[in-house]
Amino acid sequence: MASDHVIVTTTVDGEAAARELAAGVVAARLGACAQIVPITSVYRWEGAVRTEPEWRVEIKTTAARAEAVVAHLSQVHPYDVPEVVVTPIAGGSDAYLAWVSAETG
């Protein structure tokens, strides 16, 4: 069940910022949908290990739209060095993946 779909993931420091990023991507038809999840991140920044609350945004889109999503997030993201990663979707519901394609086409 191969797929030409991906999940683009990013994180931000607040729910309002997460909602804004998600809504912008969906409104521009770059992503079919986005889930927003509160998380705790542990990372090294400027020589110190930090533990901070963040909000993960997972955007479902097609592989063909992934580069445009990454470019969009890079332009509007509030962080200096944002996490923006693309993960292939190996398979899933054919109906759902067709919907993702239709919403981003």
Protein backbone atom coordinates (compact mmCIF):
# COMPACT_ATOMS: atom_id res chain seq x y z
CA MET A 1 0.00 0.00 0.00
CA ALA A 2 2.52 2.63 -1.18
CA SER A 3 1.69 6.31 -0.87
CA ASP A 4 2.87 9.62 -2.31
CA HIS A 5 1.81 11.47 0.83
CA VAL A 6 3.83 12.95 3.68
CA ILE A 7 3.50 14.48 7.13
CA VAL A 8 5.29 17.80 7.62
CA THR A 9 6.00 18.41 11.30
CA THR A 10 6.95 21.62 13.08
CA THR A 11 6.81 22.95 16.64
CA VAL A 12 6.05 26.36 18.14
CA ASP A 13 5.95 27.81 21.65
CA GLY A 14 2.23 28.47 21.95
CA GLU A 15 -1.20 27.22 20.97
CA ALA A 16 -2.14 30.45 19.18
CA ALA A 17 0.99 30.26 17.01
CA ALA A 18 0.26 26.60 16.24
CA ARG A 19 -3.32 27.40 15.23
CA GLU A 20 -2.11 30.26 13.02
CA LEU A 21 0.45 28.08 11.23
CA ALA A 22 -2.06 25.25 10.76
CA ALA A 23 -4.82 27.52 9.48
CA GLY A 24 -2.46 29.27 7.06
CA VAL A 25 -1.27 26.01 5.53
CA VAL A 26 -4.79 24.61 5.16
CA ALA A 27 -6.23 27.89 3.81
CA ALA A 28 -3.49 27.99 1.16
CA ARG A 29 -4.29 24.35 0.23
CA LEU A 30 -0.71 23.38 1.00
CA GLY A 31 -1.99 20.82 3.51
CA ALA A 32 -5.31 19.02 3.73
CA CYS A 33 -5.38 19.14 7.52
CA ALA A 34 -3.18 19.71 10.54
CA GLN A 35 -3.24 18.30 14.04
CA ILE A 36 -2.04 20.39 16.97
CA VAL A 37 -0.69 18.57 20.02
CA PRO A 38 0.84 19.94 23.25
CA ILE A 39 4.26 18.41 23.98
CA THR A 40 7.37 18.90 26.10
CA SER A 41 10.62 19.37 24.19
CA VAL A 42 14.13 18.80 25.55
CA TYR A 43 16.87 20.33 23.42
CA ARG A 44 20.24 22.07 23.48
CA TRP A 45 20.20 25.77 22.54
CA GLU A 46 23.02 28.28 22.94
CA GLY A 47 25.05 25.85 25.06
CA ALA A 48 22.32 24.94 27.54
CA VAL A 49 19.93 22.01 27.76
CA ARG A 50 16.40 23.32 27.92
CA THR A 51 13.04 21.75 28.68
CA GLU A 52 10.09 23.74 27.36
CA PRO A 53 6.41 23.27 26.60
CA GLU A 54 5.72 23.41 22.87
CA TRP A 55 2.94 22.66 20.42
CA ARG A 56 3.55 20.18 17.60
CA VAL A 57 1.80 20.80 14.29
CA GLU A 58 1.51 17.78 11.97
CA ILE A 59 0.41 18.66 8.44
CA LYS A 60 -0.88 15.99 6.02
CA THR A 61 -0.06 16.74 2.39
CA THR A 62 1.22 15.19 -0.83
CA ALA A 63 4.90 14.61 -1.54
CA ALA A 64 4.53 17.03 -4.46
CA ARG A 65 3.42 19.82 -2.06
CA ALA A 66 6.00 19.11 0.67
CA GLU A 67 8.60 21.57 -0.63
CA ALA A 68 5.99 24.34 -0.78
CA VAL A 69 4.89 23.59 2.80
CA VAL A 70 8.51 23.70 4.01
CA ALA A 71 9.08 27.01 2.18
CA HIS A 72 5.89 28.49 3.63
CA LEU A 73 6.75 27.44 7.17
CA SER A 74 10.29 28.77 6.80
CA GLN A 75 8.90 32.19 5.86
CA VAL A 76 6.26 32.51 8.59
CA HIS A 77 7.71 30.51 11.49
CA PRO A 78 8.57 32.56 14.61
CA TYR A 79 11.71 30.55 15.53
CA ASP A 80 15.25 31.35 14.32
CA VAL A 81 15.87 27.66 13.58
CA PRO A 82 12.48 25.95 13.36
CA GLU A 83 12.00 22.22 13.34
CA VAL A 84 10.51 21.44 9.94
CA VAL A 85 10.76 17.78 8.95
CA VAL A 86 9.04 15.74 6.25
CA THR A 87 8.12 12.11 6.94
CA PRO A 88 6.83 9.82 4.18
CA ILE A 89 3.52 8.04 4.77
CA ALA A 90 4.07 4.38 3.85
CA GLY A 91 0.36 3.69 3.44
CA GLY A 92 -3.04 4.09 4.97
CA SER A 93 -6.70 4.43 4.13
CA ASP A 94 -7.07 4.85 0.37
CA ALA A 95 -10.13 7.06 0.89
CA TYR A 96 -8.29 9.32 3.36
CA LEU A 97 -5.21 9.67 1.17
CA ALA A 98 -7.40 10.44 -1.86
CA TRP A 99 -9.05 13.19 0.22
CA VAL A 100 -5.61 14.60 1.12
CA SER A 101 -4.75 14.68 -2.60
CA ALA A 102 -8.05 16.34 -3.52
CA GLU A 103 -7.72 19.03 -0.83
CA THR A 104 -4.18 19.95 -1.83
CA GLY A 105 -4.55 19.63 -5.61
